[in-house]
Amino acid sequence: MASPKKHLVSVYVQNVPGVSIRLAMVFARRGYNIESFVGSETERPDFSRINIVATGDSKVLQLIIDQLNRLVNVIEAREIEAEDTISRELALFKVTVDPQTRSEVVLIARAAGCEIIEIKSGYMSIQCVGPSQTVDAAVRIFADLGIREIMRTGKVFLSR
C-alpha cells in the first residue's frame, strides 16, 4: 500500500450555498484528512476557486477527484503538483512581550520578514505572509517567545 502524501487540489465551482460542505464530505467519506480548505470568489462572482490541501493515498485521491468532477456545481477539480504552483499563506499571531523583550521581538519580526500590526501592553500582533515554510519558521521562532494566539489562512495557490 502506498504511503500517504500531501496533495494540492484545486476545485473551480459555481458560487452557490452548500458547495463547500459537499466537497468536504467527499474527502471525509474516503478517509482523507483536510489540512487546509481555502475558497473565494474568482474574477467572475458567480464562480469560486477552492484550494484544498489533504493527506492520503494517491489512488484514493484520484477516486476523490473523479467524484468531485461528478458533483453538479463543480466545473473542474484537479490535483496540482506543488512545484507547479505559486503559493502563499498568511498567519496572524499575538506574541507576549514586556518592556524588556519588546525591542527583541521587533528585531526578530523584521529579520523573519514579518510585519508588526499592533503593539499593546503585554503583547504584539504580528503578520507573516509567504510560503508555508516561511510561516512555519516564523511560528517556531515566536513560539519560544510565547505565542498567545495564532490564526493561519491555509495555503492559497495558483497553478503556474
N, C-alpha and C. Protein backbone atom coordinates (compact mmCIF):
# COMPACT_ATOMS: atom_id res chain seq x y z
N MET A 1 0.84 -1.19 0.00
CA MET A 1 0.00 0.00 0.00
C MET A 1 0.88 1.24 0.00
N ALA A 2 0.53 2.22 -0.84
CA ALA A 2 1.31 3.46 -0.93
C ALA A 2 1.16 4.27 0.34
N SER A 3 2.25 4.94 0.71
CA SER A 3 2.20 5.75 1.92
C SER A 3 1.46 7.06 1.65
N PRO A 4 0.81 7.60 2.68
CA PRO A 4 0.06 8.85 2.49
C PRO A 4 1.00 9.99 2.12
N LYS A 5 0.52 10.85 1.25
CA LYS A 5 1.30 12.03 0.87
C LYS A 5 0.38 13.24 0.85
N LYS A 6 0.98 14.41 0.90
CA LYS A 6 0.22 15.66 0.87
C LYS A 6 -0.12 15.99 -0.58
N HIS A 7 -1.39 16.33 -0.82
CA HIS A 7 -1.87 16.64 -2.16
C HIS A 7 -2.50 18.03 -2.19
N LEU A 8 -2.31 18.74 -3.30
CA LEU A 8 -2.95 20.04 -3.53
C LEU A 8 -4.05 19.83 -4.56
N VAL A 9 -5.27 20.19 -4.21
CA VAL A 9 -6.41 20.02 -5.10
C VAL A 9 -7.04 21.39 -5.34
N SER A 10 -7.23 21.73 -6.58
CA SER A 10 -7.88 22.98 -6.96
C SER A 10 -9.25 22.62 -7.54
N VAL A 11 -10.30 23.27 -7.01
CA VAL A 11 -11.65 22.97 -7.45
C VAL A 11 -12.32 24.29 -7.87
N TYR A 12 -12.77 24.35 -9.10
CA TYR A 12 -13.47 25.51 -9.63
C TYR A 12 -14.96 25.18 -9.59
N VAL A 13 -15.73 25.99 -8.87
CA VAL A 13 -17.13 25.67 -8.61
C VAL A 13 -18.04 26.86 -8.87
N GLN A 14 -19.34 26.55 -9.01
CA GLN A 14 -20.33 27.62 -9.02
C GLN A 14 -20.42 28.15 -7.60
N ASN A 15 -20.56 29.45 -7.48
CA ASN A 15 -20.59 30.11 -6.17
C ASN A 15 -22.02 30.06 -5.64
N VAL A 16 -22.39 28.91 -5.06
CA VAL A 16 -23.73 28.72 -4.52
C VAL A 16 -23.62 28.10 -3.12
N PRO A 17 -24.65 28.30 -2.28
CA PRO A 17 -24.62 27.72 -0.94
C PRO A 17 -24.53 26.19 -0.96
N GLY A 18 -23.77 25.65 -0.02
CA GLY A 18 -23.69 24.21 0.15
C GLY A 18 -22.57 23.51 -0.59
N VAL A 19 -21.89 24.21 -1.50
CA VAL A 19 -20.84 23.56 -2.29
C VAL A 19 -19.68 23.11 -1.39
N SER A 20 -19.27 23.96 -0.48
CA SER A 20 -18.12 23.63 0.38
C SER A 20 -18.35 22.37 1.18
N ILE A 21 -19.51 22.24 1.77
CA ILE A 21 -19.78 21.06 2.59
C ILE A 21 -19.82 19.80 1.73
N ARG A 22 -20.35 19.89 0.51
CA ARG A 22 -20.38 18.72 -0.36
C ARG A 22 -18.96 18.28 -0.74
N LEU A 23 -18.09 19.25 -0.98
CA LEU A 23 -16.69 18.92 -1.29
C LEU A 23 -16.03 18.24 -0.09
N ALA A 24 -16.20 18.83 1.08
CA ALA A 24 -15.58 18.28 2.29
C ALA A 24 -16.08 16.87 2.57
N MET A 25 -17.34 16.62 2.32
CA MET A 25 -17.91 15.29 2.59
C MET A 25 -17.32 14.22 1.67
N VAL A 26 -16.99 14.58 0.44
CA VAL A 26 -16.37 13.61 -0.47
C VAL A 26 -15.03 13.16 0.13
N PHE A 27 -14.25 14.10 0.65
CA PHE A 27 -12.97 13.75 1.27
C PHE A 27 -13.19 12.92 2.53
N ALA A 28 -14.14 13.33 3.36
CA ALA A 28 -14.39 12.63 4.63
C ALA A 28 -14.83 11.18 4.40
N ARG A 29 -15.69 10.96 3.42
CA ARG A 29 -16.16 9.59 3.14
C ARG A 29 -15.03 8.66 2.72
N ARG A 30 -13.99 9.21 2.14
CA ARG A 30 -12.85 8.41 1.68
C ARG A 30 -11.73 8.34 2.74
N GLY A 31 -11.96 8.94 3.91
CA GLY A 31 -10.97 8.88 4.99
C GLY A 31 -9.78 9.80 4.82
N TYR A 32 -9.96 10.84 4.04
CA TYR A 32 -8.90 11.82 3.83
C TYR A 32 -9.00 12.92 4.87
N ASN A 33 -7.87 13.35 5.40
CA ASN A 33 -7.84 14.47 6.33
C ASN A 33 -7.55 15.74 5.55
N ILE A 34 -8.43 16.72 5.66
CA ILE A 34 -8.20 18.02 5.02
C ILE A 34 -7.39 18.87 5.97
N GLU A 35 -6.22 19.29 5.52
CA GLU A 35 -5.34 20.14 6.33
C GLU A 35 -5.61 21.62 6.12
N SER A 36 -6.07 21.95 4.92
CA SER A 36 -6.33 23.35 4.59
C SER A 36 -7.46 23.39 3.56
N PHE A 37 -8.39 24.31 3.75
CA PHE A 37 -9.54 24.46 2.85
C PHE A 37 -9.78 25.95 2.72
N VAL A 38 -9.41 26.52 1.56
CA VAL A 38 -9.50 27.96 1.36
C VAL A 38 -10.27 28.21 0.07
N GLY A 39 -11.29 29.06 0.15
CA GLY A 39 -12.07 29.37 -1.04
C GLY A 39 -12.42 30.84 -1.12
N SER A 40 -12.58 31.32 -2.34
CA SER A 40 -13.01 32.69 -2.55
C SER A 40 -13.57 32.85 -3.95
N GLU A 41 -14.27 33.95 -4.14
CA GLU A 41 -14.77 34.27 -5.47
C GLU A 41 -13.59 34.43 -6.42
N THR A 42 -13.86 34.19 -7.68
CA THR A 42 -12.84 34.38 -8.71
C THR A 42 -13.07 35.73 -9.38
N GLU A 43 -12.46 35.92 -10.52
CA GLU A 43 -12.68 37.14 -11.30
C GLU A 43 -14.13 37.23 -11.78
N ARG A 44 -14.83 36.11 -11.73
CA ARG A 44 -16.26 36.06 -12.08
C ARG A 44 -17.02 35.75 -10.79
N PRO A 45 -17.84 36.67 -10.29
CA PRO A 45 -18.51 36.50 -8.99
C PRO A 45 -19.42 35.27 -8.89
N ASP A 46 -19.85 34.71 -10.01
CA ASP A 46 -20.70 33.52 -9.97
C ASP A 46 -19.91 32.24 -9.72
N PHE A 47 -18.58 32.34 -9.68
CA PHE A 47 -17.72 31.17 -9.51
C PHE A 47 -16.72 31.39 -8.39
N SER A 48 -16.32 30.30 -7.76
CA SER A 48 -15.30 30.33 -6.71
C SER A 48 -14.22 29.31 -7.02
N ARG A 49 -13.04 29.57 -6.50
CA ARG A 49 -11.96 28.58 -6.56
C ARG A 49 -11.70 28.16 -5.13
N ILE A 50 -11.64 26.86 -4.91
CA ILE A 50 -11.37 26.31 -3.59
C ILE A 50 -10.09 25.52 -3.66
N ASN A 51 -9.14 25.88 -2.79
CA ASN A 51 -7.86 25.18 -2.68
C ASN A 51 -7.93 24.26 -1.47
N ILE A 52 -7.62 23.00 -1.69
CA ILE A 52 -7.66 22.01 -0.62
C ILE A 52 -6.29 21.35 -0.53
N VAL A 53 -5.76 21.29 0.69
CA VAL A 53 -4.55 20.52 0.95
C VAL A 53 -4.99 19.35 1.82
N ALA A 54 -4.70 18.14 1.35
CA ALA A 54 -5.15 16.94 2.07
C ALA A 54 -4.07 15.88 2.00
N THR A 55 -4.08 15.00 3.00
CA THR A 55 -3.10 13.92 3.06
C THR A 55 -3.79 12.58 2.92
N GLY A 56 -3.23 11.73 2.08
CA GLY A 56 -3.78 10.40 1.90
C GLY A 56 -3.14 9.68 0.73
N ASP A 57 -3.68 8.54 0.42
CA ASP A 57 -3.20 7.68 -0.65
C ASP A 57 -3.49 8.29 -2.02
N SER A 58 -2.52 8.22 -2.93
CA SER A 58 -2.67 8.81 -4.27
C SER A 58 -3.79 8.17 -5.08
N LYS A 59 -3.96 6.85 -4.97
CA LYS A 59 -5.02 6.17 -5.73
C LYS A 59 -6.39 6.61 -5.23
N VAL A 60 -6.53 6.75 -3.93
CA VAL A 60 -7.80 7.20 -3.36
C VAL A 60 -8.07 8.64 -3.79
N LEU A 61 -7.02 9.47 -3.87
CA LEU A 61 -7.22 10.85 -4.31
C LEU A 61 -7.80 10.90 -5.71
N GLN A 62 -7.34 10.02 -6.59
CA GLN A 62 -7.89 10.01 -7.94
C GLN A 62 -9.38 9.69 -7.93
N LEU A 63 -9.80 8.77 -7.06
CA LEU A 63 -11.23 8.48 -6.91
C LEU A 63 -11.99 9.70 -6.40
N ILE A 64 -11.38 10.42 -5.46
CA ILE A 64 -12.00 11.64 -4.92
C ILE A 64 -12.17 12.68 -6.02
N ILE A 65 -11.13 12.90 -6.80
CA ILE A 65 -11.21 13.90 -7.88
C ILE A 65 -12.27 13.51 -8.89
N ASP A 66 -12.33 12.23 -9.24
CA ASP A 66 -13.37 11.77 -10.16
C ASP A 66 -14.75 12.04 -9.60
N GLN A 67 -14.93 11.77 -8.31
CA GLN A 67 -16.21 12.01 -7.67
C GLN A 67 -16.53 13.50 -7.58
N LEU A 68 -15.53 14.33 -7.27
CA LEU A 68 -15.74 15.78 -7.24
C LEU A 68 -16.21 16.29 -8.60
N ASN A 69 -15.60 15.78 -9.66
CA ASN A 69 -15.96 16.23 -11.01
C ASN A 69 -17.37 15.81 -11.42
N ARG A 70 -17.96 14.87 -10.70
CA ARG A 70 -19.34 14.48 -10.99
C ARG A 70 -20.37 15.30 -10.20
N LEU A 71 -19.92 16.09 -9.24
CA LEU A 71 -20.86 16.92 -8.47
C LEU A 71 -21.43 18.01 -9.36
N VAL A 72 -22.69 18.32 -9.15
CA VAL A 72 -23.42 19.25 -10.01
C VAL A 72 -22.76 20.62 -10.12
N ASN A 73 -22.34 21.21 -9.00
CA ASN A 73 -21.83 22.57 -9.02
C ASN A 73 -20.32 22.68 -9.27
N VAL A 74 -19.67 21.55 -9.51
CA VAL A 74 -18.22 21.57 -9.77
C VAL A 74 -17.97 21.70 -11.26
N ILE A 75 -17.21 22.71 -11.64
CA ILE A 75 -16.82 22.91 -13.02
C ILE A 75 -15.60 22.05 -13.34
N GLU A 76 -14.60 22.11 -12.45
CA GLU A 76 -13.39 21.31 -12.63
C GLU A 76 -12.70 21.10 -11.30
N ALA A 77 -12.27 19.86 -11.06
CA ALA A 77 -11.44 19.53 -9.90
C ALA A 77 -10.20 18.84 -10.43
N ARG A 78 -9.03 19.24 -9.93
CA ARG A 78 -7.79 18.61 -10.38
C ARG A 78 -6.72 18.74 -9.32
N GLU A 79 -5.80 17.78 -9.35
CA GLU A 79 -4.64 17.87 -8.47
C GLU A 79 -3.59 18.72 -9.16
N ILE A 80 -2.90 19.52 -8.37
CA ILE A 80 -1.82 20.35 -8.88
C ILE A 80 -0.56 19.96 -8.13
N GLU A 81 0.50 19.73 -8.85
CA GLU A 81 1.79 19.40 -8.22
C GLU A 81 2.36 20.65 -7.57
N ALA A 82 2.91 20.51 -6.38
CA ALA A 82 3.43 21.65 -5.61
C ALA A 82 4.43 22.49 -6.40
N GLU A 83 5.28 21.83 -7.18
CA GLU A 83 6.29 22.57 -7.94
C GLU A 83 5.67 23.38 -9.09
N ASP A 84 4.42 23.11 -9.42
CA ASP A 84 3.74 23.84 -10.49
C ASP A 84 2.84 24.95 -9.95
N THR A 85 3.08 25.36 -8.70
CA THR A 85 2.22 26.38 -8.11
C THR A 85 3.00 27.57 -7.60
N ILE A 86 2.27 28.65 -7.47
CA ILE A 86 2.71 29.81 -6.71
C ILE A 86 1.82 29.77 -5.48
N SER A 87 2.41 29.71 -4.29
CA SER A 87 1.57 29.59 -3.09
C SER A 87 2.02 30.54 -1.99
N ARG A 88 1.05 30.91 -1.19
CA ARG A 88 1.30 31.78 -0.04
C ARG A 88 0.36 31.38 1.08
N GLU A 89 0.76 31.78 2.27
CA GLU A 89 -0.07 31.58 3.44
C GLU A 89 0.09 32.83 4.31
N LEU A 90 -0.93 33.13 5.06
CA LEU A 90 -0.91 34.27 5.98
C LEU A 90 -1.11 33.73 7.38
N ALA A 91 -0.32 34.24 8.31
CA ALA A 91 -0.53 33.93 9.73
C ALA A 91 -0.57 35.23 10.50
N LEU A 92 -1.52 35.33 11.39
CA LEU A 92 -1.59 36.43 12.34
C LEU A 92 -1.39 35.82 13.72
N PHE A 93 -0.52 36.41 14.50
CA PHE A 93 -0.36 35.89 15.85
C PHE A 93 -0.02 36.99 16.83
N LYS A 94 -0.36 36.72 18.08
CA LYS A 94 -0.05 37.62 19.18
C LYS A 94 1.10 36.99 19.95
N VAL A 95 2.14 37.81 20.17
CA VAL A 95 3.31 37.36 20.91
C VAL A 95 3.38 38.14 22.22
N THR A 96 3.58 37.41 23.30
CA THR A 96 3.70 38.03 24.61
C THR A 96 4.98 38.84 24.67
N VAL A 97 4.89 40.09 25.11
CA VAL A 97 6.06 40.95 25.28
C VAL A 97 5.96 41.71 26.59
N ASP A 98 7.11 42.13 27.05
CA ASP A 98 7.17 43.06 28.19
C ASP A 98 8.16 44.14 27.77
N PRO A 99 8.34 45.17 28.56
CA PRO A 99 9.25 46.26 28.14
C PRO A 99 10.67 45.77 27.79
N GLN A 100 11.13 44.71 28.45
CA GLN A 100 12.48 44.21 28.18
C GLN A 100 12.57 43.43 26.87
N THR A 101 11.52 42.77 26.46
CA THR A 101 11.57 41.92 25.25
C THR A 101 10.99 42.59 24.01
N ARG A 102 10.34 43.73 24.17
CA ARG A 102 9.66 44.38 23.04
C ARG A 102 10.61 44.65 21.87
N SER A 103 11.76 45.25 22.12
CA SER A 103 12.68 45.58 21.01
C SER A 103 13.24 44.30 20.37
N GLU A 104 13.47 43.27 21.18
CA GLU A 104 13.95 41.98 20.64
C GLU A 104 12.90 41.39 19.68
N VAL A 105 11.63 41.45 20.05
CA VAL A 105 10.56 40.91 19.20
C VAL A 105 10.48 41.70 17.90
N VAL A 106 10.62 43.01 17.97
CA VAL A 106 10.59 43.84 16.76
C VAL A 106 11.73 43.43 15.82
N LEU A 107 12.93 43.25 16.35
CA LEU A 107 14.08 42.86 15.52
C LEU A 107 13.88 41.47 14.91
N ILE A 108 13.38 40.54 15.70
CA ILE A 108 13.13 39.18 15.21
C ILE A 108 12.06 39.20 14.11
N ALA A 109 11.02 39.98 14.33
CA ALA A 109 9.94 40.07 13.33
C ALA A 109 10.49 40.60 12.01
N ARG A 110 11.28 41.63 12.07
CA ARG A 110 11.87 42.18 10.84
C ARG A 110 12.78 41.17 10.16
N ALA A 111 13.61 40.49 10.94
CA ALA A 111 14.53 39.51 10.38
C ALA A 111 13.79 38.33 9.76
N ALA A 112 12.62 38.00 10.32
CA ALA A 112 11.83 36.88 9.80
C ALA A 112 10.93 37.29 8.64
N GLY A 113 10.97 38.56 8.26
CA GLY A 113 10.14 39.04 7.16
C GLY A 113 8.69 39.25 7.54
N CYS A 114 8.44 39.43 8.83
CA CYS A 114 7.08 39.65 9.32
C CYS A 114 6.83 41.14 9.55
N GLU A 115 5.59 41.47 9.70
CA GLU A 115 5.19 42.86 9.93
C GLU A 115 4.47 42.96 11.27
N ILE A 116 4.82 43.96 12.03
CA ILE A 116 4.12 44.19 13.29
C ILE A 116 2.88 45.01 12.98
N ILE A 117 1.74 44.47 13.37
CA ILE A 117 0.46 45.08 13.06
C ILE A 117 -0.02 46.00 14.18
N GLU A 118 0.26 45.58 15.42
CA GLU A 118 -0.27 46.31 16.56
C GLU A 118 0.62 46.04 17.77
N ILE A 119 0.83 47.09 18.56
CA ILE A 119 1.57 46.96 19.81
C ILE A 119 0.65 47.37 20.94
N LYS A 120 0.46 46.45 21.87
CA LYS A 120 -0.39 46.70 23.05
C LYS A 120 0.41 46.37 24.29
N SER A 121 -0.11 46.74 25.42
CA SER A 121 0.52 46.41 26.68
C SER A 121 0.48 44.89 26.87
N GLY A 122 1.65 44.28 26.89
CA GLY A 122 1.72 42.84 27.13
C GLY A 122 1.81 41.96 25.90
N TYR A 123 1.53 42.49 24.71
CA TYR A 123 1.64 41.66 23.51
C TYR A 123 1.79 42.52 22.25
N MET A 124 2.24 41.86 21.18
CA MET A 124 2.30 42.45 19.84
C MET A 124 1.55 41.54 18.90
N SER A 125 0.84 42.14 17.96
CA SER A 125 0.20 41.37 16.89
C SER A 125 1.11 41.44 15.68
N ILE A 126 1.40 40.26 15.11
CA ILE A 126 2.37 40.15 14.03
C ILE A 126 1.72 39.44 12.85
N GLN A 127 2.08 39.88 11.65
CA GLN A 127 1.60 39.25 10.42
C GLN A 127 2.79 38.67 9.68
N CYS A 128 2.64 37.45 9.21
CA CYS A 128 3.67 36.82 8.39
C CYS A 128 3.00 36.27 7.14
N VAL A 129 3.52 36.63 5.98
CA VAL A 129 2.99 36.19 4.70
C VAL A 129 4.13 35.58 3.90
N GLY A 130 3.86 34.42 3.30
CA GLY A 130 4.88 33.81 2.46
C GLY A 130 4.56 32.35 2.23
N PRO A 131 5.51 31.63 1.65
CA PRO A 131 5.32 30.19 1.50
C PRO A 131 5.12 29.55 2.88
N SER A 132 4.46 28.42 2.93
CA SER A 132 4.17 27.77 4.20
C SER A 132 5.43 27.55 5.04
N GLN A 133 6.55 27.24 4.40
CA GLN A 133 7.79 27.01 5.13
C GLN A 133 8.24 28.27 5.87
N THR A 134 8.05 29.42 5.25
CA THR A 134 8.41 30.69 5.88
C THR A 134 7.53 30.96 7.09
N VAL A 135 6.23 30.72 6.92
CA VAL A 135 5.29 30.92 8.03
C VAL A 135 5.59 29.93 9.15
N ASP A 136 5.86 28.67 8.80
CA ASP A 136 6.22 27.66 9.81
C ASP A 136 7.44 28.10 10.61
N ALA A 137 8.46 28.62 9.92
CA ALA A 137 9.69 29.05 10.59
C ALA A 137 9.41 30.21 11.54
N ALA A 138 8.60 31.16 11.10
CA ALA A 138 8.27 32.30 11.96
C ALA A 138 7.51 31.84 13.20
N VAL A 139 6.60 30.92 13.02
CA VAL A 139 5.83 30.40 14.16
C VAL A 139 6.77 29.72 15.15
N ARG A 140 7.72 28.92 14.65
CA ARG A 140 8.69 28.26 15.55
C ARG A 140 9.51 29.28 16.32
N ILE A 141 9.96 30.32 15.63
CA ILE A 141 10.77 31.35 16.28
C ILE A 141 9.97 32.04 17.40
N PHE A 142 8.74 32.44 17.07
CA PHE A 142 7.95 33.18 18.06
C PHE A 142 7.36 32.29 19.14
N ALA A 143 7.28 30.99 18.89
CA ALA A 143 6.77 30.06 19.92
C ALA A 143 7.66 30.12 21.16
N ASP A 144 8.96 30.27 20.96
CA ASP A 144 9.89 30.36 22.08
C ASP A 144 9.67 31.63 22.91
N LEU A 145 9.12 32.65 22.28
CA LEU A 145 8.87 33.91 22.99
C LEU A 145 7.50 33.95 23.65
N GLY A 146 6.63 33.03 23.26
CA GLY A 146 5.31 32.95 23.88
C GLY A 146 4.18 33.45 22.98
N ILE A 147 3.69 32.58 22.09
CA ILE A 147 2.55 32.93 21.25
C ILE A 147 1.28 32.77 22.09
N ARG A 148 0.51 33.84 22.18
CA ARG A 148 -0.77 33.82 22.92
C ARG A 148 -1.90 33.24 22.08
N GLU A 149 -1.87 33.60 20.80
CA GLU A 149 -2.96 33.22 19.90
C GLU A 149 -2.40 33.23 18.48
N ILE A 150 -2.92 32.32 17.65
CA ILE A 150 -2.48 32.28 16.26
C ILE A 150 -3.64 31.87 15.36
N MET A 151 -3.65 32.42 14.16
CA MET A 151 -4.63 32.04 13.15
C MET A 151 -3.92 32.05 11.81
N ARG A 152 -4.05 30.93 11.08
CA ARG A 152 -3.44 30.81 9.76
C ARG A 152 -4.54 30.64 8.72
N THR A 153 -4.28 31.17 7.53
CA THR A 153 -5.28 31.11 6.47
C THR A 153 -5.37 29.75 5.81
N GLY A 154 -4.30 29.00 5.81
CA GLY A 154 -4.23 27.83 4.96
C GLY A 154 -3.57 28.24 3.65
N LYS A 155 -3.20 27.27 2.86
CA LYS A 155 -2.43 27.53 1.65
C LYS A 155 -3.34 28.04 0.53
N VAL A 156 -2.95 29.17 -0.03
CA VAL A 156 -3.61 29.73 -1.20
C VAL A 156 -2.64 29.52 -2.35
N PHE A 157 -3.12 28.91 -3.43
CA PHE A 157 -2.20 28.64 -4.54
C PHE A 157 -2.88 28.80 -5.89
N LEU A 158 -2.05 29.11 -6.86
CA LEU A 158 -2.44 29.19 -8.28
C LEU A 158 -1.47 28.35 -9.07
N SER A 159 -1.96 27.70 -10.11
CA SER A 159 -1.04 26.95 -10.96
C SER A 159 -0.26 27.94 -11.82
N ARG A 160 0.93 27.54 -12.15
CA ARG A 160 1.80 28.41 -12.99
C ARG A 160 1.34 28.33 -14.44
